[in-house]
Amino acid sequence: MPDNIDIRGKGVVGGKASGEALVADATLSFWGEVDAVTGKIIAVGHPLEGESLKDRVLVIRSTKGSSGTPMILNLAKLEGNAPVAFVNVEVDSLAALGCIVNEIPMLSKLESDPFAVVSTGDQVEVDADAGVMRISKISP
């Protein structure tokens, strides 16, 4: 039976989405660390190296700025390989711009540490309009 945990936050870019969580307490640059065509993280040594962003809720500390972020996100979305939502502890303005342009919900300013609650593979619903993330964990 699933255990649901809600974490409240602030919607940065409105919208709703759900998918499997992809989680790392790390930053990620979309310029040079993400293959836009495949949607895979290609940064050597990154905790998420080799993982696909496709249809995932990306839960990370923050992106690290590059003016290419909106373009990389757009190409990934056109290829069908973009994340469905962002949950960031810190907001990078270029990622926020990328989410606005590509209509990808973004949530930040969380009331609790997401890395202590959500794990890669959990099912996550992001409602950035209401400012809430719901994590569904399966009990052992």
N, C-alpha and C. Protein backbone atom coordinates (compact mmCIF):
# COMPACT_ATOMS: atom_id res chain seq x y z
N MET A 1 0.84 -1.18 0.00
CA MET A 1 0.00 0.00 0.00
C MET A 1 0.89 1.25 0.00
N PRO A 2 0.58 2.23 -0.82
CA PRO A 2 1.46 3.41 -0.86
C PRO A 2 1.29 4.29 0.37
N ASP A 3 2.42 4.84 0.82
CA ASP A 3 2.42 5.86 1.86
C ASP A 3 2.63 7.19 1.14
N ASN A 4 1.74 8.14 1.35
CA ASN A 4 1.86 9.44 0.70
C ASN A 4 2.40 10.47 1.68
N ILE A 5 3.36 11.25 1.20
CA ILE A 5 3.96 12.32 1.98
C ILE A 5 3.83 13.59 1.16
N ASP A 6 3.30 14.63 1.76
CA ASP A 6 3.19 15.92 1.08
C ASP A 6 4.25 16.87 1.61
N ILE A 7 4.90 17.57 0.71
CA ILE A 7 5.82 18.65 1.07
C ILE A 7 5.32 19.91 0.38
N ARG A 8 5.11 20.94 1.18
CA ARG A 8 4.65 22.21 0.63
C ARG A 8 5.85 23.04 0.21
N GLY A 9 5.62 23.87 -0.78
CA GLY A 9 6.67 24.74 -1.28
C GLY A 9 6.04 25.90 -2.03
N LYS A 10 6.86 26.54 -2.83
CA LYS A 10 6.38 27.68 -3.62
C LYS A 10 6.48 27.32 -5.10
N GLY A 11 5.38 27.48 -5.80
CA GLY A 11 5.38 27.26 -7.23
C GLY A 11 6.14 28.39 -7.92
N VAL A 12 7.17 28.05 -8.66
CA VAL A 12 7.94 29.03 -9.41
C VAL A 12 7.37 29.16 -10.82
N VAL A 13 7.05 28.01 -11.41
CA VAL A 13 6.39 27.95 -12.72
C VAL A 13 5.17 27.06 -12.53
N GLY A 14 4.01 27.59 -12.84
CA GLY A 14 2.76 26.87 -12.60
C GLY A 14 2.59 25.63 -13.46
N GLY A 15 1.68 24.80 -13.00
CA GLY A 15 1.35 23.58 -13.72
C GLY A 15 1.35 22.38 -12.81
N LYS A 16 0.92 21.26 -13.38
CA LYS A 16 0.85 20.00 -12.65
C LYS A 16 1.49 18.92 -13.51
N ALA A 17 2.18 18.01 -12.85
CA ALA A 17 2.79 16.89 -13.56
C ALA A 17 3.08 15.78 -12.56
N SER A 18 3.20 14.59 -13.07
CA SER A 18 3.58 13.46 -12.21
C SER A 18 4.49 12.53 -12.97
N GLY A 19 5.31 11.83 -12.22
CA GLY A 19 6.24 10.88 -12.81
C GLY A 19 7.14 10.29 -11.75
N GLU A 20 8.05 9.48 -12.21
CA GLU A 20 9.03 8.86 -11.33
C GLU A 20 10.09 9.89 -10.95
N ALA A 21 10.47 9.91 -9.68
CA ALA A 21 11.46 10.86 -9.20
C ALA A 21 12.86 10.46 -9.65
N LEU A 22 13.65 11.48 -9.96
CA LEU A 22 15.08 11.35 -10.23
C LEU A 22 15.74 12.33 -9.29
N VAL A 23 16.47 11.81 -8.28
CA VAL A 23 16.88 12.61 -7.14
C VAL A 23 18.39 12.61 -6.93
N ALA A 24 18.95 13.80 -6.70
CA ALA A 24 20.34 13.93 -6.28
C ALA A 24 20.53 15.26 -5.59
N ASP A 25 21.18 15.24 -4.45
CA ASP A 25 21.52 16.49 -3.76
C ASP A 25 22.77 17.05 -4.43
N ALA A 26 22.56 17.57 -5.63
CA ALA A 26 23.66 18.06 -6.47
C ALA A 26 23.09 19.10 -7.41
N THR A 27 23.99 19.81 -8.07
CA THR A 27 23.59 20.74 -9.13
C THR A 27 23.76 20.04 -10.47
N LEU A 28 23.13 20.59 -11.49
CA LEU A 28 23.23 20.02 -12.83
C LEU A 28 23.21 21.15 -13.85
N SER A 29 24.15 21.12 -14.77
CA SER A 29 24.17 22.08 -15.87
C SER A 29 23.56 21.40 -17.09
N PHE A 30 22.60 22.04 -17.71
CA PHE A 30 22.03 21.46 -18.92
C PHE A 30 22.97 21.64 -20.10
N TRP A 31 23.85 22.63 -20.02
CA TRP A 31 24.83 22.86 -21.08
C TRP A 31 26.06 22.01 -20.79
N GLY A 32 26.23 20.93 -21.54
CA GLY A 32 27.41 20.09 -21.40
C GLY A 32 27.25 18.90 -20.47
N GLU A 33 26.21 18.89 -19.66
CA GLU A 33 26.00 17.76 -18.74
C GLU A 33 24.75 16.95 -19.08
N VAL A 34 23.96 17.45 -20.05
CA VAL A 34 22.75 16.75 -20.50
C VAL A 34 22.79 16.65 -22.01
N ASP A 35 22.54 15.45 -22.52
CA ASP A 35 22.41 15.26 -23.97
C ASP A 35 20.95 15.59 -24.30
N ALA A 36 20.75 16.70 -24.99
CA ALA A 36 19.39 17.18 -25.27
C ALA A 36 18.58 16.22 -26.14
N VAL A 37 19.23 15.51 -27.03
CA VAL A 37 18.51 14.62 -27.95
C VAL A 37 18.02 13.37 -27.24
N THR A 38 18.88 12.78 -26.40
CA THR A 38 18.50 11.54 -25.70
C THR A 38 17.88 11.80 -24.34
N GLY A 39 18.11 13.01 -23.78
CA GLY A 39 17.62 13.31 -22.44
C GLY A 39 18.42 12.65 -21.34
N LYS A 40 19.61 12.17 -21.66
CA LYS A 40 20.44 11.49 -20.65
C LYS A 40 21.46 12.44 -20.05
N ILE A 41 21.75 12.20 -18.79
CA ILE A 41 22.77 12.97 -18.10
C ILE A 41 24.12 12.36 -18.45
N ILE A 42 24.98 13.18 -19.05
CA ILE A 42 26.26 12.69 -19.58
C ILE A 42 27.45 13.20 -18.79
N ALA A 43 27.23 13.93 -17.71
CA ALA A 43 28.32 14.48 -16.90
C ALA A 43 29.06 13.34 -16.21
N VAL A 44 30.31 13.15 -16.56
CA VAL A 44 31.12 12.09 -15.96
C VAL A 44 31.29 12.37 -14.47
N GLY A 45 30.97 11.38 -13.66
CA GLY A 45 31.10 11.50 -12.21
C GLY A 45 29.92 12.12 -11.50
N HIS A 46 28.92 12.60 -12.26
CA HIS A 46 27.73 13.16 -11.62
C HIS A 46 26.95 12.03 -10.98
N PRO A 47 26.31 12.27 -9.82
CA PRO A 47 25.53 11.19 -9.17
C PRO A 47 24.43 10.60 -10.06
N LEU A 48 23.98 11.36 -11.05
CA LEU A 48 22.91 10.88 -11.95
C LEU A 48 23.45 10.50 -13.33
N GLU A 49 24.74 10.36 -13.47
CA GLU A 49 25.34 10.02 -14.76
C GLU A 49 24.66 8.78 -15.36
N GLY A 50 24.26 8.91 -16.62
CA GLY A 50 23.63 7.80 -17.34
C GLY A 50 22.12 7.73 -17.18
N GLU A 51 21.55 8.48 -16.26
CA GLU A 51 20.10 8.46 -16.04
C GLU A 51 19.38 9.28 -17.11
N SER A 52 18.16 8.89 -17.41
CA SER A 52 17.33 9.60 -18.36
C SER A 52 16.40 10.57 -17.64
N LEU A 53 16.24 11.75 -18.20
CA LEU A 53 15.31 12.75 -17.67
C LEU A 53 13.88 12.51 -18.16
N LYS A 54 13.73 11.70 -19.19
CA LYS A 54 12.44 11.48 -19.85
C LYS A 54 11.34 11.12 -18.86
N ASP A 55 10.31 11.97 -18.83
CA ASP A 55 9.11 11.75 -18.02
C ASP A 55 9.38 11.67 -16.52
N ARG A 56 10.51 12.18 -16.06
CA ARG A 56 10.87 12.12 -14.65
C ARG A 56 10.61 13.48 -13.98
N VAL A 57 10.44 13.45 -12.68
CA VAL A 57 10.41 14.65 -11.86
C VAL A 57 11.83 14.82 -11.33
N LEU A 58 12.51 15.86 -11.77
CA LEU A 58 13.91 16.08 -11.42
C LEU A 58 13.99 16.83 -10.09
N VAL A 59 14.47 16.13 -9.06
CA VAL A 59 14.61 16.70 -7.72
C VAL A 59 16.10 16.87 -7.45
N ILE A 60 16.57 18.12 -7.55
CA ILE A 60 17.99 18.41 -7.36
C ILE A 60 18.14 19.69 -6.54
N ARG A 61 19.36 19.95 -6.12
CA ARG A 61 19.63 21.19 -5.38
C ARG A 61 19.32 22.39 -6.28
N SER A 62 19.90 22.40 -7.48
CA SER A 62 19.68 23.49 -8.42
C SER A 62 20.33 23.14 -9.74
N THR A 63 19.93 23.85 -10.76
CA THR A 63 20.72 23.79 -11.99
C THR A 63 21.83 24.82 -11.83
N LYS A 64 22.88 24.67 -12.62
CA LYS A 64 23.91 25.70 -12.61
C LYS A 64 23.89 26.37 -13.96
N GLY A 65 23.78 27.65 -13.89
CA GLY A 65 23.42 28.48 -15.02
C GLY A 65 24.23 28.36 -16.28
N SER A 66 23.53 28.40 -17.32
CA SER A 66 24.05 28.59 -18.66
C SER A 66 22.89 29.14 -19.46
N SER A 67 23.19 30.09 -20.31
CA SER A 67 22.11 30.64 -21.13
C SER A 67 21.56 29.59 -22.09
N GLY A 68 22.25 28.46 -22.22
CA GLY A 68 21.78 27.37 -23.07
C GLY A 68 20.71 26.51 -22.43
N THR A 69 20.46 26.68 -21.12
CA THR A 69 19.49 25.82 -20.42
C THR A 69 18.12 25.81 -21.09
N PRO A 70 17.51 26.96 -21.39
CA PRO A 70 16.19 26.92 -22.03
C PRO A 70 16.22 26.20 -23.39
N MET A 71 17.31 26.38 -24.14
CA MET A 71 17.43 25.74 -25.45
C MET A 71 17.57 24.23 -25.31
N ILE A 72 18.39 23.78 -24.38
CA ILE A 72 18.58 22.35 -24.17
C ILE A 72 17.26 21.72 -23.71
N LEU A 73 16.57 22.39 -22.79
CA LEU A 73 15.27 21.88 -22.34
C LEU A 73 14.28 21.82 -23.49
N ASN A 74 14.28 22.83 -24.35
CA ASN A 74 13.37 22.85 -25.48
C ASN A 74 13.65 21.71 -26.44
N LEU A 75 14.92 21.48 -26.75
CA LEU A 75 15.26 20.38 -27.65
C LEU A 75 14.88 19.03 -27.03
N ALA A 76 15.17 18.87 -25.74
CA ALA A 76 14.79 17.62 -25.06
C ALA A 76 13.27 17.42 -25.11
N LYS A 77 12.53 18.51 -24.92
CA LYS A 77 11.07 18.40 -24.97
C LYS A 77 10.59 18.05 -26.38
N LEU A 78 11.17 18.69 -27.38
CA LEU A 78 10.80 18.37 -28.77
C LEU A 78 11.10 16.92 -29.11
N GLU A 79 12.16 16.38 -28.54
CA GLU A 79 12.53 14.97 -28.77
C GLU A 79 11.74 14.01 -27.88
N GLY A 80 10.93 14.55 -26.95
CA GLY A 80 10.15 13.71 -26.04
C GLY A 80 10.96 13.17 -24.88
N ASN A 81 12.06 13.85 -24.54
CA ASN A 81 12.97 13.34 -23.50
C ASN A 81 13.22 14.32 -22.36
N ALA A 82 12.31 15.24 -22.14
CA ALA A 82 12.48 16.24 -21.08
C ALA A 82 11.88 15.73 -19.76
N PRO A 83 12.32 16.31 -18.65
CA PRO A 83 11.64 16.01 -17.38
C PRO A 83 10.24 16.62 -17.40
N VAL A 84 9.32 16.04 -16.62
CA VAL A 84 7.95 16.56 -16.58
C VAL A 84 7.81 17.68 -15.56
N ALA A 85 8.74 17.74 -14.59
CA ALA A 85 8.69 18.79 -13.56
C ALA A 85 10.06 18.92 -12.91
N PHE A 86 10.29 20.09 -12.34
CA PHE A 86 11.50 20.36 -11.57
C PHE A 86 11.10 20.63 -10.13
N VAL A 87 11.85 20.06 -9.19
CA VAL A 87 11.75 20.42 -7.79
C VAL A 87 13.18 20.78 -7.38
N ASN A 88 13.40 22.06 -7.12
CA ASN A 88 14.74 22.56 -6.81
C ASN A 88 14.74 23.22 -5.44
N VAL A 89 15.80 22.97 -4.68
CA VAL A 89 15.95 23.64 -3.39
C VAL A 89 16.27 25.12 -3.63
N GLU A 90 17.13 25.38 -4.60
CA GLU A 90 17.50 26.75 -4.97
C GLU A 90 17.08 26.96 -6.43
N VAL A 91 16.66 28.17 -6.75
CA VAL A 91 16.18 28.46 -8.10
C VAL A 91 17.26 29.17 -8.90
N ASP A 92 17.59 28.59 -10.04
CA ASP A 92 18.46 29.24 -11.02
C ASP A 92 17.52 29.90 -12.03
N SER A 93 17.71 31.19 -12.24
CA SER A 93 16.78 31.93 -13.10
C SER A 93 16.73 31.40 -14.52
N LEU A 94 17.83 30.85 -15.02
CA LEU A 94 17.81 30.31 -16.39
C LEU A 94 17.01 29.02 -16.48
N ALA A 95 17.03 28.23 -15.43
CA ALA A 95 16.17 27.03 -15.41
C ALA A 95 14.71 27.44 -15.30
N ALA A 96 14.44 28.47 -14.48
CA ALA A 96 13.06 28.96 -14.38
C ALA A 96 12.57 29.45 -15.75
N LEU A 97 13.42 30.18 -16.45
CA LEU A 97 13.07 30.64 -17.80
C LEU A 97 12.82 29.44 -18.71
N GLY A 98 13.69 28.43 -18.65
CA GLY A 98 13.51 27.23 -19.46
C GLY A 98 12.20 26.53 -19.16
N CYS A 99 11.82 26.50 -17.89
CA CYS A 99 10.55 25.87 -17.51
C CYS A 99 9.36 26.69 -17.99
N ILE A 100 9.47 28.02 -17.92
CA ILE A 100 8.38 28.88 -18.41
C ILE A 100 8.17 28.66 -19.90
N VAL A 101 9.25 28.75 -20.66
CA VAL A 101 9.17 28.63 -22.12
C VAL A 101 8.65 27.26 -22.54
N ASN A 102 9.03 26.22 -21.79
CA ASN A 102 8.67 24.85 -22.17
C ASN A 102 7.49 24.29 -21.39
N GLU A 103 6.85 25.16 -20.59
CA GLU A 103 5.66 24.77 -19.82
C GLU A 103 5.92 23.54 -18.95
N ILE A 104 7.00 23.61 -18.18
CA ILE A 104 7.38 22.55 -17.25
C ILE A 104 7.21 23.11 -15.84
N PRO A 105 6.36 22.52 -15.02
CA PRO A 105 6.16 23.03 -13.66
C PRO A 105 7.46 23.00 -12.85
N MET A 106 7.62 24.02 -11.99
CA MET A 106 8.78 24.08 -11.10
C MET A 106 8.33 24.47 -9.70
N LEU A 107 8.85 23.74 -8.72
CA LEU A 107 8.53 23.97 -7.32
C LEU A 107 9.84 24.20 -6.57
N SER A 108 9.83 25.13 -5.61
CA SER A 108 11.02 25.42 -4.81
C SER A 108 10.59 25.90 -3.43
N LYS A 109 11.56 26.38 -2.65
CA LYS A 109 11.32 26.89 -1.29
C LYS A 109 10.48 25.90 -0.48
N LEU A 110 10.96 24.67 -0.41
CA LEU A 110 10.23 23.59 0.26
C LEU A 110 10.30 23.73 1.77
N GLU A 111 9.24 23.28 2.43
CA GLU A 111 9.17 23.38 3.89
C GLU A 111 10.06 22.36 4.60
N SER A 112 10.52 21.35 3.88
CA SER A 112 11.43 20.36 4.46
C SER A 112 12.40 19.87 3.39
N ASP A 113 13.44 19.20 3.84
CA ASP A 113 14.50 18.72 2.96
C ASP A 113 13.98 17.58 2.08
N PRO A 114 13.88 17.81 0.76
CA PRO A 114 13.34 16.75 -0.10
C PRO A 114 14.26 15.53 -0.16
N PHE A 115 15.57 15.73 0.04
CA PHE A 115 16.52 14.62 -0.06
C PHE A 115 16.40 13.65 1.11
N ALA A 116 15.74 14.08 2.19
CA ALA A 116 15.50 13.20 3.32
C ALA A 116 14.21 12.41 3.16
N VAL A 117 13.40 12.79 2.16
CA VAL A 117 12.07 12.19 2.01
C VAL A 117 11.89 11.43 0.70
N VAL A 118 12.30 12.02 -0.41
CA VAL A 118 12.04 11.42 -1.72
C VAL A 118 13.29 10.74 -2.25
N SER A 119 13.11 9.59 -2.87
CA SER A 119 14.21 8.82 -3.44
C SER A 119 13.94 8.57 -4.92
N THR A 120 15.00 8.37 -5.66
CA THR A 120 14.85 8.00 -7.07
C THR A 120 13.97 6.76 -7.15
N GLY A 121 12.98 6.82 -8.02
CA GLY A 121 12.05 5.70 -8.20
C GLY A 121 10.70 5.92 -7.54
N ASP A 122 10.64 6.82 -6.53
CA ASP A 122 9.34 7.13 -5.93
C ASP A 122 8.45 7.79 -6.98
N GLN A 123 7.16 7.62 -6.85
CA GLN A 123 6.22 8.33 -7.72
C GLN A 123 5.92 9.69 -7.08
N VAL A 124 5.99 10.73 -7.88
CA VAL A 124 5.83 12.09 -7.37
C VAL A 124 4.82 12.84 -8.22
N GLU A 125 3.93 13.55 -7.55
CA GLU A 125 3.01 14.47 -8.21
C GLU A 125 3.41 15.88 -7.79
N VAL A 126 3.60 16.75 -8.76
CA VAL A 126 3.94 18.14 -8.49
C VAL A 126 2.74 19.00 -8.91
N ASP A 127 2.23 19.76 -7.97
CA ASP A 127 1.19 20.74 -8.26
C ASP A 127 1.78 22.11 -7.90
N ALA A 128 2.44 22.72 -8.86
CA ALA A 128 3.10 24.01 -8.60
C ALA A 128 2.07 25.12 -8.41
N ASP A 129 0.86 24.94 -8.92
CA ASP A 129 -0.19 25.94 -8.72
C ASP A 129 -0.59 26.01 -7.24
N ALA A 130 -0.68 24.85 -6.60
CA ALA A 130 -1.05 24.77 -5.18
C ALA A 130 0.18 24.80 -4.28
N GLY A 131 1.37 24.65 -4.85
CA GLY A 131 2.59 24.66 -4.06
C GLY A 131 2.78 23.40 -3.23
N VAL A 132 2.59 22.25 -3.86
CA VAL A 132 2.74 21.00 -3.11
C VAL A 132 3.32 19.90 -3.99
N MET A 133 4.13 19.06 -3.35
CA MET A 133 4.67 17.84 -3.98
C MET A 133 4.18 16.67 -3.15
N ARG A 134 3.57 15.69 -3.81
CA ARG A 134 3.11 14.49 -3.12
C ARG A 134 3.99 13.32 -3.55
N ILE A 135 4.60 12.69 -2.57
CA ILE A 135 5.49 11.55 -2.81
C ILE A 135 4.75 10.28 -2.41
N SER A 136 4.72 9.32 -3.32
CA SER A 136 4.10 8.02 -3.03
C SER A 136 5.20 6.99 -2.90
N LYS A 137 5.36 6.49 -1.68
CA LYS A 137 6.34 5.45 -1.39
C LYS A 137 5.58 4.14 -1.19
N ILE A 138 6.16 3.08 -1.64
CA ILE A 138 5.56 1.76 -1.42
C ILE A 138 6.17 1.17 -0.16
N SER A 139 5.32 0.81 0.79
CA SER A 139 5.82 0.20 2.03
C SER A 139 6.36 -1.18 1.76
N PRO A 140 7.45 -1.56 2.44
CA PRO A 140 8.00 -2.92 2.24
C PRO A 140 7.08 -4.00 2.75
